[in-house]
Amino acid sequence: YQYLSRYKRKEDLDHFFFTPERTEGTEKECLKLLLEFCGRHNPSWTELSNFTNFLNFQLSKCEKSVFCGPAVGSDFQGF
């Protein structure tokens, strides 16, 4: 939710890192955002679960990647 809400607001994600302790939004807002970005019309709970698991996996890998870190500078901005 933290990434998707910032992406929707067109905020810079290059210097953002997920913080599990921080609670943002409501359950209703989170579900609405997941439905918007899932890419399926009327997805099942299994499809939403698969989408969130895949997204979490990819974003955690991205945060750990040397190519996606803020130290890389403007060479890979937005990568």
PDB file of N, CA and C in Angstrom:
ATOM      1  N   TYR A   1       0.823  -1.199   0.000  1.00  0.00           N
ATOM      2  CA  TYR A   1       0.000   0.000   0.000  1.00  0.00           C
ATOM      3  C   TYR A   1       0.862   1.255   0.000  1.00  0.00           C
ATOM      4  N   GLN A   2       1.949   1.237   0.787  1.00  0.00           N
ATOM      5  CA  GLN A   2       2.798   2.421   0.881  1.00  0.00           C
ATOM      6  C   GLN A   2       3.387   2.800  -0.479  1.00  0.00           C
ATOM      7  N   TYR A   3       3.845   1.813  -1.236  1.00  0.00           N
ATOM      8  CA  TYR A   3       4.391   2.087  -2.563  1.00  0.00           C
ATOM      9  C   TYR A   3       3.304   2.514  -3.540  1.00  0.00           C
ATOM     10  N   LEU A   4       2.213   1.763  -3.579  1.00  0.00           N
ATOM     11  CA  LEU A   4       1.159   2.058  -4.545  1.00  0.00           C
ATOM     12  C   LEU A   4       0.524   3.422  -4.320  1.00  0.00           C
ATOM     13  N   SER A   5       0.320   3.798  -3.067  1.00  0.00           N
ATOM     14  CA  SER A   5      -0.290   5.107  -2.806  1.00  0.00           C
ATOM     15  C   SER A   5       0.648   6.236  -3.220  1.00  0.00           C
ATOM     16  N   ARG A   6       1.936   6.072  -2.994  1.00  0.00           N
ATOM     17  CA  ARG A   6       2.895   7.094  -3.425  1.00  0.00           C
ATOM     18  C   ARG A   6       3.019   7.134  -4.944  1.00  0.00           C
ATOM     19  N   TYR A   7       2.987   5.959  -5.566  1.00  0.00           N
ATOM     20  CA  TYR A   7       3.052   5.892  -7.030  1.00  0.00           C
ATOM     21  C   TYR A   7       1.840   6.602  -7.640  1.00  0.00           C
ATOM     22  N   LYS A   8       0.674   6.372  -7.079  1.00  0.00           N
ATOM     23  CA  LYS A   8      -0.545   7.006  -7.593  1.00  0.00           C
ATOM     24  C   LYS A   8      -0.481   8.524  -7.453  1.00  0.00           C
ATOM     25  N   ARG A   9       0.142   9.005  -6.378  1.00  0.00           N
ATOM     26  CA  ARG A   9       0.282  10.455  -6.171  1.00  0.00           C
ATOM     27  C   ARG A   9       1.467  11.032  -6.941  1.00  0.00           C
ATOM     28  N   LYS A  10       2.135  10.167  -7.749  1.00  0.00           N
ATOM     29  CA  LYS A  10       3.285  10.562  -8.566  1.00  0.00           C
ATOM     30  C   LYS A  10       4.450  11.093  -7.726  1.00  0.00           C
ATOM     31  N   GLU A  11       4.634  10.497  -6.553  1.00  0.00           N
ATOM     32  CA  GLU A  11       5.763  10.858  -5.696  1.00  0.00           C
ATOM     33  C   GLU A  11       7.007  10.104  -6.137  1.00  0.00           C
ATOM     34  N   ASP A  12       8.167  10.650  -5.814  1.00  0.00           N
ATOM     35  CA  ASP A  12       9.442  10.016  -6.133  1.00  0.00           C
ATOM     36  C   ASP A  12       9.630   8.795  -5.238  1.00  0.00           C
ATOM     37  N   LEU A  13       9.768   7.625  -5.854  1.00  0.00           N
ATOM     38  CA  LEU A  13       9.944   6.386  -5.096  1.00  0.00           C
ATOM     39  C   LEU A  13      11.408   5.994  -4.948  1.00  0.00           C
ATOM     40  N   ASP A  14      12.311   6.741  -5.571  1.00  0.00           N
ATOM     41  CA  ASP A  14      13.727   6.390  -5.533  1.00  0.00           C
ATOM     42  C   ASP A  14      14.321   6.433  -4.127  1.00  0.00           C
ATOM     43  N   HIS A  15      13.773   7.272  -3.267  1.00  0.00           N
ATOM     44  CA  HIS A  15      14.324   7.417  -1.917  1.00  0.00           C
ATOM     45  C   HIS A  15      13.367   6.908  -0.843  1.00  0.00           C
ATOM     46  N   PHE A  16      12.354   6.167  -1.247  1.00  0.00           N
ATOM     47  CA  PHE A  16      11.377   5.641  -0.297  1.00  0.00           C
ATOM     48  C   PHE A  16      11.694   4.185   0.011  1.00  0.00           C
ATOM     49  N   PHE A  17      11.586   3.817   1.271  1.00  0.00           N
ATOM     50  CA  PHE A  17      11.741   2.432   1.698  1.00  0.00           C
ATOM     51  C   PHE A  17      10.567   2.056   2.578  1.00  0.00           C
ATOM     52  N   PHE A  18      10.055   0.865   2.374  1.00  0.00           N
ATOM     53  CA  PHE A  18       8.923   0.348   3.129  1.00  0.00           C
ATOM     54  C   PHE A  18       9.235   0.304   4.616  1.00  0.00           C
ATOM     55  N   THR A  19       8.285   0.737   5.410  1.00  0.00           N
ATOM     56  CA  THR A  19       8.401   0.710   6.857  1.00  0.00           C
ATOM     57  C   THR A  19       7.218  -0.068   7.418  1.00  0.00           C
ATOM     58  N   PRO A  20       7.452  -1.314   7.876  1.00  0.00           N
ATOM     59  CA  PRO A  20       6.322  -2.126   8.351  1.00  0.00           C
ATOM     60  C   PRO A  20       5.666  -1.573   9.611  1.00  0.00           C
ATOM     61  N   GLU A  21       6.392  -0.806  10.386  1.00  0.00           N
ATOM     62  CA  GLU A  21       5.825  -0.271  11.627  1.00  0.00           C
ATOM     63  C   GLU A  21       4.856   0.871  11.368  1.00  0.00           C
ATOM     64  N   ARG A  22       4.951   1.497  10.202  1.00  0.00           N
ATOM     65  CA  ARG A  22       4.117   2.660   9.900  1.00  0.00           C
ATOM     66  C   ARG A  22       2.801   2.194   9.276  1.00  0.00           C
ATOM     67  N   THR A  23       1.696   2.597   9.850  1.00  0.00           N
ATOM     68  CA  THR A  23       0.383   2.265   9.312  1.00  0.00           C
ATOM     69  C   THR A  23      -0.140   3.472   8.547  1.00  0.00           C
ATOM     70  N   GLU A  24      -0.517   3.227   7.306  1.00  0.00           N
ATOM     71  CA  GLU A  24      -1.057   4.302   6.473  1.00  0.00           C
ATOM     72  C   GLU A  24      -2.377   3.852   5.887  1.00  0.00           C
ATOM     73  N   GLY A  25      -3.307   4.757   5.789  1.00  0.00           N
ATOM     74  CA  GLY A  25      -4.587   4.457   5.169  1.00  0.00           C
ATOM     75  C   GLY A  25      -5.438   3.502   5.980  1.00  0.00           C
ATOM     76  N   THR A  26      -6.621   3.303   5.469  1.00  0.00           N
ATOM     77  CA  THR A  26      -7.559   2.381   6.104  1.00  0.00           C
ATOM     78  C   THR A  26      -7.617   1.083   5.300  1.00  0.00           C
ATOM     79  N   GLU A  27      -8.280   0.090   5.853  1.00  0.00           N
ATOM     80  CA  GLU A  27      -8.446  -1.171   5.135  1.00  0.00           C
ATOM     81  C   GLU A  27      -9.215  -0.957   3.834  1.00  0.00           C
ATOM     82  N   LYS A  28     -10.207  -0.088   3.883  1.00  0.00           N
ATOM     83  CA  LYS A  28     -11.023   0.211   2.704  1.00  0.00           C
ATOM     84  C   LYS A  28     -10.176   0.878   1.621  1.00  0.00           C
ATOM     85  N   GLU A  29      -9.337   1.836   2.006  1.00  0.00           N
ATOM     86  CA  GLU A  29      -8.460   2.513   1.035  1.00  0.00           C
ATOM     87  C   GLU A  29      -7.458   1.532   0.433  1.00  0.00           C
ATOM     88  N   CYS A  30      -6.925   0.651   1.255  1.00  0.00           N
ATOM     89  CA  CYS A  30      -5.963  -0.341   0.790  1.00  0.00           C
ATOM     90  C   CYS A  30      -6.608  -1.280  -0.229  1.00  0.00           C
ATOM     91  N   LEU A  31      -7.775  -1.782   0.078  1.00  0.00           N
ATOM     92  CA  LEU A  31      -8.472  -2.692  -0.824  1.00  0.00           C
ATOM     93  C   LEU A  31      -8.804  -1.990  -2.141  1.00  0.00           C
ATOM     94  N   LYS A  32      -9.251  -0.754  -2.062  1.00  0.00           N
ATOM     95  CA  LYS A  32      -9.574   0.015  -3.265  1.00  0.00           C
ATOM     96  C   LYS A  32      -8.342   0.186  -4.147  1.00  0.00           C
ATOM     97  N   LEU A  33      -7.201   0.478  -3.543  1.00  0.00           N
ATOM     98  CA  LEU A  33      -5.956   0.659  -4.295  1.00  0.00           C
ATOM     99  C   LEU A  33      -5.491  -0.659  -4.908  1.00  0.00           C
ATOM    100  N   LEU A  34      -5.590  -1.750  -4.163  1.00  0.00           N
ATOM    101  CA  LEU A  34      -5.209  -3.061  -4.701  1.00  0.00           C
ATOM    102  C   LEU A  34      -6.094  -3.448  -5.882  1.00  0.00           C
ATOM    103  N   LEU A  35      -7.381  -3.184  -5.775  1.00  0.00           N
ATOM    104  CA  LEU A  35      -8.294  -3.485  -6.876  1.00  0.00           C
ATOM    105  C   LEU A  35      -7.966  -2.642  -8.098  1.00  0.00           C
ATOM    106  N   GLU A  36      -7.558  -1.420  -7.873  1.00  0.00           N
ATOM    107  CA  GLU A  36      -7.212  -0.523  -8.981  1.00  0.00           C
ATOM    108  C   GLU A  36      -5.963  -0.998  -9.724  1.00  0.00           C
ATOM    109  N   PHE A  37      -4.955  -1.461  -8.991  1.00  0.00           N
ATOM    110  CA  PHE A  37      -3.679  -1.818  -9.597  1.00  0.00           C
ATOM    111  C   PHE A  37      -3.544  -3.299  -9.941  1.00  0.00           C
ATOM    112  N   CYS A  38      -4.472  -4.098  -9.531  1.00  0.00           N
ATOM    113  CA  CYS A  38      -4.379  -5.545  -9.748  1.00  0.00           C
ATOM    114  C   CYS A  38      -4.370  -5.911 -11.233  1.00  0.00           C
ATOM    115  N   GLY A  39      -5.075  -5.169 -12.035  1.00  0.00           N
ATOM    116  CA  GLY A  39      -5.094  -5.450 -13.464  1.00  0.00           C
ATOM    117  C   GLY A  39      -6.161  -6.437 -13.891  1.00  0.00           C
ATOM    118  N   ARG A  40      -6.995  -6.850 -12.985  1.00  0.00           N
ATOM    119  CA  ARG A  40      -8.081  -7.787 -13.286  1.00  0.00           C
ATOM    120  C   ARG A  40      -9.411  -7.122 -12.953  1.00  0.00           C
ATOM    121  N   HIS A  41     -10.399  -7.348 -13.786  1.00  0.00           N
ATOM    122  CA  HIS A  41     -11.740  -6.861 -13.495  1.00  0.00           C
ATOM    123  C   HIS A  41     -12.403  -7.852 -12.545  1.00  0.00           C
ATOM    124  N   ASN A  42     -12.836  -7.364 -11.399  1.00  0.00           N
ATOM    125  CA  ASN A  42     -13.498  -8.191 -10.391  1.00  0.00           C
ATOM    126  C   ASN A  42     -12.649  -9.409  -9.993  1.00  0.00           C
ATOM    127  N   PRO A  43     -11.437  -9.169  -9.456  1.00  0.00           N
ATOM    128  CA  PRO A  43     -10.549 -10.294  -9.109  1.00  0.00           C
ATOM    129  C   PRO A  43     -11.050 -11.068  -7.891  1.00  0.00           C
ATOM    130  N   SER A  44     -10.651 -12.329  -7.834  1.00  0.00           N
ATOM    131  CA  SER A  44     -10.978 -13.145  -6.668  1.00  0.00           C
ATOM    132  C   SER A  44      -9.997 -12.813  -5.548  1.00  0.00           C
ATOM    133  N   TRP A  45     -10.284 -13.312  -4.342  1.00  0.00           N
ATOM    134  CA  TRP A  45      -9.362 -13.101  -3.218  1.00  0.00           C
ATOM    135  C   TRP A  45      -8.025 -13.762  -3.499  1.00  0.00           C
ATOM    136  N   THR A  46      -8.035 -14.893  -4.187  1.00  0.00           N
ATOM    137  CA  THR A  46      -6.791 -15.583  -4.532  1.00  0.00           C
ATOM    138  C   THR A  46      -5.958 -14.736  -5.485  1.00  0.00           C
ATOM    139  N   GLU A  47      -6.601 -14.119  -6.466  1.00  0.00           N
ATOM    140  CA  GLU A  47      -5.876 -13.254  -7.401  1.00  0.00           C
ATOM    141  C   GLU A  47      -5.297 -12.037  -6.694  1.00  0.00           C
ATOM    142  N   LEU A  48      -6.045 -11.447  -5.775  1.00  0.00           N
ATOM    143  CA  LEU A  48      -5.520 -10.312  -4.999  1.00  0.00           C
ATOM    144  C   LEU A  48      -4.361 -10.747  -4.113  1.00  0.00           C
ATOM    145  N   SER A  49      -4.484 -11.927  -3.522  1.00  0.00           N
ATOM    146  CA  SER A  49      -3.412 -12.439  -2.679  1.00  0.00           C
ATOM    147  C   SER A  49      -2.149 -12.695  -3.504  1.00  0.00           C
ATOM    148  N   ASN A  50      -2.308 -13.315  -4.671  1.00  0.00           N
ATOM    149  CA  ASN A  50      -1.161 -13.558  -5.542  1.00  0.00           C
ATOM    150  C   ASN A  50      -0.512 -12.247  -5.996  1.00  0.00           C
ATOM    151  N   PHE A  51      -1.345 -11.263  -6.326  1.00  0.00           N
ATOM    152  CA  PHE A  51      -0.836  -9.954  -6.742  1.00  0.00           C
ATOM    153  C   PHE A  51      -0.023  -9.304  -5.631  1.00  0.00           C
ATOM    154  N   THR A  52      -0.558  -9.291  -4.410  1.00  0.00           N
ATOM    155  CA  THR A  52       0.155  -8.639  -3.304  1.00  0.00           C
ATOM    156  C   THR A  52       1.424  -9.404  -2.927  1.00  0.00           C
ATOM    157  N   ASN A  53       1.376 -10.736  -2.952  1.00  0.00           N
ATOM    158  CA  ASN A  53       2.582 -11.520  -2.650  1.00  0.00           C
ATOM    159  C   ASN A  53       3.669 -11.275  -3.681  1.00  0.00           C
ATOM    160  N   PHE A  54       3.297 -11.265  -4.954  1.00  0.00           N
ATOM    161  CA  PHE A  54       4.265 -11.017  -6.018  1.00  0.00           C
ATOM    162  C   PHE A  54       4.831  -9.601  -5.911  1.00  0.00           C
ATOM    163  N   LEU A  55       3.960  -8.624  -5.688  1.00  0.00           N
ATOM    164  CA  LEU A  55       4.401  -7.232  -5.568  1.00  0.00           C
ATOM    165  C   LEU A  55       5.338  -7.069  -4.376  1.00  0.00           C
ATOM    166  N   ASN A  56       5.001  -7.640  -3.235  1.00  0.00           N
ATOM    167  CA  ASN A  56       5.864  -7.565  -2.056  1.00  0.00           C
ATOM    168  C   ASN A  56       7.224  -8.186  -2.323  1.00  0.00           C
ATOM    169  N   PHE A  57       7.245  -9.334  -2.998  1.00  0.00           N
ATOM    170  CA  PHE A  57       8.500 -10.008  -3.322  1.00  0.00           C
ATOM    171  C   PHE A  57       9.360  -9.127  -4.233  1.00  0.00           C
ATOM    172  N   GLN A  58       8.754  -8.591  -5.279  1.00  0.00           N
ATOM    173  CA  GLN A  58       9.499  -7.758  -6.228  1.00  0.00           C
ATOM    174  C   GLN A  58      10.006  -6.474  -5.577  1.00  0.00           C
ATOM    175  N   LEU A  59       9.182  -5.836  -4.772  1.00  0.00           N
ATOM    176  CA  LEU A  59       9.605  -4.580  -4.136  1.00  0.00           C
ATOM    177  C   LEU A  59      10.695  -4.813  -3.097  1.00  0.00           C
ATOM    178  N   SER A  60      10.649  -5.924  -2.373  1.00  0.00           N
ATOM    179  CA  SER A  60      11.712  -6.208  -1.400  1.00  0.00           C
ATOM    180  C   SER A  60      13.027  -6.488  -2.120  1.00  0.00           C
ATOM    181  N   LYS A  61      12.975  -7.181  -3.265  1.00  0.00           N
ATOM    182  CA  LYS A  61      14.178  -7.408  -4.070  1.00  0.00           C
ATOM    183  C   LYS A  61      14.711  -6.089  -4.613  1.00  0.00           C
ATOM    184  N   CYS A  62      13.824  -5.220  -5.034  1.00  0.00           N
ATOM    185  CA  CYS A  62      14.212  -3.913  -5.571  1.00  0.00           C
ATOM    186  C   CYS A  62      14.906  -3.071  -4.501  1.00  0.00           C
ATOM    187  N   GLU A  63      14.375  -3.082  -3.283  1.00  0.00           N
ATOM    188  CA  GLU A  63      14.978  -2.302  -2.202  1.00  0.00           C
ATOM    189  C   GLU A  63      16.391  -2.779  -1.882  1.00  0.00           C
ATOM    190  N   LYS A  64      16.658  -4.061  -2.078  1.00  0.00           N
ATOM    191  CA  LYS A  64      17.969  -4.627  -1.772  1.00  0.00           C
ATOM    192  C   LYS A  64      18.946  -4.551  -2.942  1.00  0.00           C
ATOM    193  N   SER A  65      18.461  -4.210  -4.122  1.00  0.00           N
ATOM    194  CA  SER A  65      19.299  -4.180  -5.318  1.00  0.00           C
ATOM    195  C   SER A  65      20.216  -2.956  -5.329  1.00  0.00           C
ATOM    196  N   VAL A  66      21.467  -3.170  -5.699  1.00  0.00           N
ATOM    197  CA  VAL A  66      22.411  -2.047  -5.796  1.00  0.00           C
ATOM    198  C   VAL A  66      22.056  -1.143  -6.974  1.00  0.00           C
ATOM    199  N   PHE A  67      21.333  -1.661  -7.953  1.00  0.00           N
ATOM    200  CA  PHE A  67      20.961  -0.869  -9.119  1.00  0.00           C
ATOM    201  C   PHE A  67      19.777   0.054  -8.866  1.00  0.00           C
ATOM    202  N   CYS A  68      19.031  -0.207  -7.816  1.00  0.00           N
ATOM    203  CA  CYS A  68      17.825   0.571  -7.537  1.00  0.00           C
ATOM    204  C   CYS A  68      17.971   1.474  -6.322  1.00  0.00           C
ATOM    205  N   GLY A  69      19.124   1.471  -5.683  1.00  0.00           N
ATOM    206  CA  GLY A  69      19.325   2.279  -4.491  1.00  0.00           C
ATOM    207  C   GLY A  69      19.584   3.741  -4.815  1.00  0.00           C
ATOM    208  N   PRO A  70      19.346   4.612  -3.854  1.00  0.00           N
ATOM    209  CA  PRO A  70      19.567   6.042  -4.075  1.00  0.00           C
ATOM    210  C   PRO A  70      21.036   6.388  -4.297  1.00  0.00           C
ATOM    211  N   ALA A  71      21.960   5.512  -3.892  1.00  0.00           N
ATOM    212  CA  ALA A  71      23.384   5.791  -4.065  1.00  0.00           C
ATOM    213  C   ALA A  71      23.814   5.733  -5.524  1.00  0.00           C
ATOM    214  N   VAL A  72      23.010   5.117  -6.370  1.00  0.00           N
ATOM    215  CA  VAL A  72      23.354   4.999  -7.796  1.00  0.00           C
ATOM    216  C   VAL A  72      23.321   6.364  -8.469  1.00  0.00           C
ATOM    217  N   GLY A  73      22.497   7.248  -7.965  1.00  0.00           N
ATOM    218  CA  GLY A  73      22.430   8.606  -8.527  1.00  0.00           C
ATOM    219  C   GLY A  73      21.467   8.700  -9.680  1.00  0.00           C
ATOM    220  N   SER A  74      21.719   9.659 -10.551  1.00  0.00           N
ATOM    221  CA  SER A  74      20.806   9.938 -11.648  1.00  0.00           C
ATOM    222  C   SER A  74      20.958   8.989 -12.821  1.00  0.00           C
ATOM    223  N   ASP A  75      21.960   8.128 -12.810  1.00  0.00           N
ATOM    224  CA  ASP A  75      22.166   7.194 -13.913  1.00  0.00           C
ATOM    225  C   ASP A  75      20.985   6.255 -14.114  1.00  0.00           C
ATOM    226  N   PHE A  76      20.375   5.805 -13.017  1.00  0.00           N
ATOM    227  CA  PHE A  76      19.264   4.869 -13.086  1.00  0.00           C
ATOM    228  C   PHE A  76      18.006   5.451 -12.449  1.00  0.00           C
ATOM    229  N   GLN A  77      17.825   6.742 -12.492  1.00  0.00           N
ATOM    230  CA  GLN A  77      16.685   7.384 -11.841  1.00  0.00           C
ATOM    231  C   GLN A  77      15.378   6.815 -12.370  1.00  0.00           C
ATOM    232  N   GLY A  78      14.517   6.396 -11.464  1.00  0.00           N
ATOM    233  CA  GLY A  78      13.223   5.840 -11.834  1.00  0.00           C
ATOM    234  C   GLY A  78      13.279   4.396 -12.253  1.00  0.00           C
ATOM    235  N   PHE A  79      14.443   3.780 -12.196  1.00  0.00           N
ATOM    236  CA  PHE A  79      14.602   2.402 -12.642  1.00  0.00           C
ATOM    237  C   PHE A  79      13.762   1.486 -11.808  1.00  0.00           C
TER     238      PHE A  79
END
